[in-house]
Amino acid sequence: MFPPDVAAGFMAEALLEAELAAKAGDVPVGAVIVVGDTIVGRGHNRREQDKDPTAHAEIEALRSASRALGAWRIPGTMFVTLEPCAMCAGALVLARISGLVYGCSDPKGGAVDTLFEIGRDPRLNHRFEISSGVSGDACAALLKSFFRERRLPRV
């Protein structure tokens, strides 16, 4: 899909988005959408900020890219720090995304490799290429650190 160094650079941008979510008290997941070699959409989890259960990083990035492109079809690749859930994987199908690159797996909710294979399901009207593990250790470390801090006893 992308050479490893290029993919790592785009995932670094997604990690910056994830850090914005963490600073706002949200689960640190970030996403960027790339068309050609240009980032056209960005997003990070905003569920706590917006009090919106659909305000996942992927949805925010899709909305951002749609505004930038002036279209709902997004012929690009999403880079996201965590494997998308069923809602987000479904949104990627509906957006006609070309590819997905994610950092680390989600054993409790991952819907493109772990629990389901939504992006590859031949029964759907659209499928997309999937690659995983790009900067996976950094993506997982950010999530683990966030949840470790949340579990510390409050004084």
Protein backbone atom coordinates (compact mmCIF):
# COMPACT_ATOMS: atom_id res chain seq x y z
CA MET A 1 0.00 0.00 0.00
CA PHE A 2 2.66 2.54 1.16
CA PRO A 3 6.40 2.12 1.67
CA PRO A 4 7.13 1.46 5.38
CA ASP A 5 8.76 4.86 6.02
CA VAL A 6 5.87 6.73 4.40
CA ALA A 7 3.28 4.67 6.30
CA ALA A 8 5.13 5.34 9.58
CA GLY A 9 5.09 9.08 8.83
CA PHE A 10 1.32 9.11 8.32
CA MET A 11 0.82 6.97 11.43
CA ALA A 12 2.89 9.52 13.36
CA GLU A 13 0.30 12.10 12.34
CA ALA A 14 -2.47 9.81 13.57
CA LEU A 15 -0.59 9.42 16.86
CA LEU A 16 -0.50 13.23 17.23
CA GLU A 17 -4.29 13.19 16.86
CA ALA A 18 -4.52 10.44 19.48
CA GLU A 19 -2.51 12.56 21.90
CA LEU A 20 -5.04 15.38 21.44
CA ALA A 21 -7.79 12.98 22.49
CA ALA A 22 -5.82 11.92 25.58
CA LYS A 23 -5.22 15.54 26.61
CA ALA A 24 -8.98 16.11 26.45
CA GLY A 25 -9.63 13.04 28.62
CA ASP A 26 -10.77 10.80 25.78
CA VAL A 27 -9.46 7.39 24.76
CA PRO A 28 -6.35 8.17 22.68
CA VAL A 29 -7.28 7.10 19.18
CA GLY A 30 -6.34 9.23 16.21
CA ALA A 31 -6.84 9.01 12.46
CA VAL A 32 -5.78 10.72 9.26
CA ILE A 33 -6.98 10.17 5.71
CA VAL A 34 -4.52 10.38 2.85
CA VAL A 35 -5.36 10.90 -0.82
CA GLY A 36 -2.26 10.56 -2.98
CA ASP A 37 0.39 11.88 -0.62
CA THR A 38 -1.75 14.57 1.06
CA ILE A 39 -3.61 14.40 4.35
CA VAL A 40 -7.19 15.48 3.57
CA GLY A 41 -8.85 14.57 6.86
CA ARG A 42 -7.96 14.36 10.54
CA GLY A 43 -9.78 13.22 13.61
CA HIS A 44 -9.45 11.97 17.15
CA ASN A 45 -11.87 10.56 19.68
CA ARG A 46 -14.23 13.26 20.94
CA ARG A 47 -16.88 11.16 22.67
CA GLU A 48 -16.32 12.74 26.08
CA GLN A 49 -15.94 16.27 24.74
CA ASP A 50 -18.98 16.13 22.47
CA LYS A 51 -21.06 13.73 24.59
CA ASP A 52 -21.55 11.81 21.35
CA PRO A 53 -21.20 8.03 21.12
CA THR A 54 -20.40 8.28 17.40
CA ALA A 55 -17.53 10.76 17.81
CA HIS A 56 -14.83 8.17 17.14
CA ALA A 57 -11.55 9.22 15.50
CA GLU A 58 -12.46 7.45 12.25
CA ILE A 59 -15.85 9.17 11.98
CA GLU A 60 -14.31 12.56 12.72
CA ALA A 61 -11.63 11.99 10.06
CA LEU A 62 -14.24 10.88 7.51
CA ARG A 63 -16.28 14.03 8.18
CA SER A 64 -13.17 16.18 7.85
CA ALA A 65 -12.14 14.52 4.57
CA SER A 66 -15.67 14.77 3.15
CA ARG A 67 -15.70 18.51 3.84
CA ALA A 68 -12.24 18.94 2.28
CA LEU A 69 -13.09 16.90 -0.82
CA GLY A 70 -16.67 18.10 -1.17
CA ALA A 71 -17.83 14.51 -1.55
CA TRP A 72 -18.94 11.52 0.52
CA ARG A 73 -16.85 9.08 -1.51
CA ILE A 74 -13.31 9.15 -0.17
CA PRO A 75 -10.78 7.55 -2.55
CA GLY A 76 -7.97 7.43 -0.04
CA THR A 77 -6.36 5.50 2.78
CA MET A 78 -7.14 5.91 6.46
CA PHE A 79 -4.35 5.60 9.00
CA VAL A 80 -5.73 4.96 12.49
CA THR A 81 -3.96 4.05 15.68
CA LEU A 82 -6.42 1.32 16.78
CA GLU A 83 -8.28 -1.32 14.78
CA PRO A 84 -11.71 0.13 13.93
CA CYS A 85 -14.90 -1.02 15.65
CA ALA A 86 -17.95 -2.29 13.73
CA MET A 87 -19.48 1.19 13.42
CA CYS A 88 -16.30 2.70 12.03
CA ALA A 89 -15.53 -0.23 9.74
CA GLY A 90 -19.06 0.08 8.35
CA ALA A 91 -18.55 3.79 7.81
CA LEU A 92 -15.34 3.04 5.88
CA VAL A 93 -17.33 0.72 3.60
CA LEU A 94 -20.00 3.40 3.09
CA ALA A 95 -17.35 6.05 2.34
CA ARG A 96 -15.82 3.76 -0.31
CA ILE A 97 -12.41 4.16 1.31
CA SER A 98 -9.61 2.53 -0.70
CA GLY A 99 -7.43 1.33 2.15
CA LEU A 100 -6.99 1.10 5.88
CA VAL A 101 -3.75 1.02 7.86
CA TYR A 102 -4.08 0.55 11.59
CA GLY A 103 -1.52 0.44 14.36
CA CYS A 104 -2.67 -2.06 16.99
CA SER A 105 -5.42 -4.64 17.24
CA ASP A 106 -8.47 -4.25 19.45
CA PRO A 107 -9.21 -7.62 21.08
CA LYS A 108 -12.54 -6.42 22.50
CA GLY A 109 -13.97 -4.50 19.56
CA GLY A 110 -11.80 -4.79 16.45
CA ALA A 111 -14.00 -5.33 13.41
CA VAL A 112 -11.62 -5.58 10.45
CA ASP A 113 -9.45 -8.50 11.61
CA THR A 114 -10.12 -9.49 15.22
CA LEU A 115 -13.86 -10.06 15.75
CA PHE A 116 -15.12 -9.45 12.20
CA GLU A 117 -13.67 -8.86 8.75
CA ILE A 118 -15.94 -6.05 7.64
CA GLY A 119 -13.52 -4.54 5.13
CA ARG A 120 -13.07 -7.90 3.40
CA ASP A 121 -16.58 -9.37 3.58
CA PRO A 122 -17.61 -10.36 0.02
CA ARG A 123 -21.29 -9.89 0.90
CA LEU A 124 -20.79 -6.13 1.16
CA ASN A 125 -20.95 -3.82 -1.82
CA HIS A 126 -17.45 -2.44 -1.18
CA ARG A 127 -14.23 -3.83 0.23
CA PHE A 128 -10.91 -2.16 1.05
CA GLU A 129 -7.30 -3.17 1.46
CA ILE A 130 -6.17 -3.61 5.08
CA SER A 131 -2.71 -3.42 6.61
CA SER A 132 -1.91 -3.63 10.32
CA GLY A 133 0.94 -3.22 12.75
CA VAL A 134 2.35 0.08 11.50
CA SER A 135 3.86 1.73 14.59
CA GLY A 136 1.84 -0.83 16.53
CA ASP A 137 4.02 -0.73 19.65
CA ALA A 138 3.73 3.07 19.93
CA CYS A 139 -0.04 2.95 19.36
CA ALA A 140 -0.51 0.23 22.00
CA ALA A 141 1.80 2.00 24.48
CA LEU A 142 -0.25 5.20 24.27
CA LEU A 143 -3.46 3.31 25.01
CA LYS A 144 -1.91 1.28 27.84
CA SER A 145 -0.47 4.41 29.45
CA PHE A 146 -3.83 6.20 29.24
CA PHE A 147 -5.72 3.34 30.91
CA ARG A 148 -2.98 2.73 33.50
CA GLU A 149 -3.27 6.38 34.60
CA ARG A 150 -7.07 6.10 34.77
CA ARG A 151 -6.77 3.14 37.15
CA LEU A 152 -4.40 4.88 39.59
CA PRO A 153 -5.98 5.54 42.98
CA ARG A 154 -7.17 9.12 43.38
CA VAL A 155 -5.84 10.91 46.45
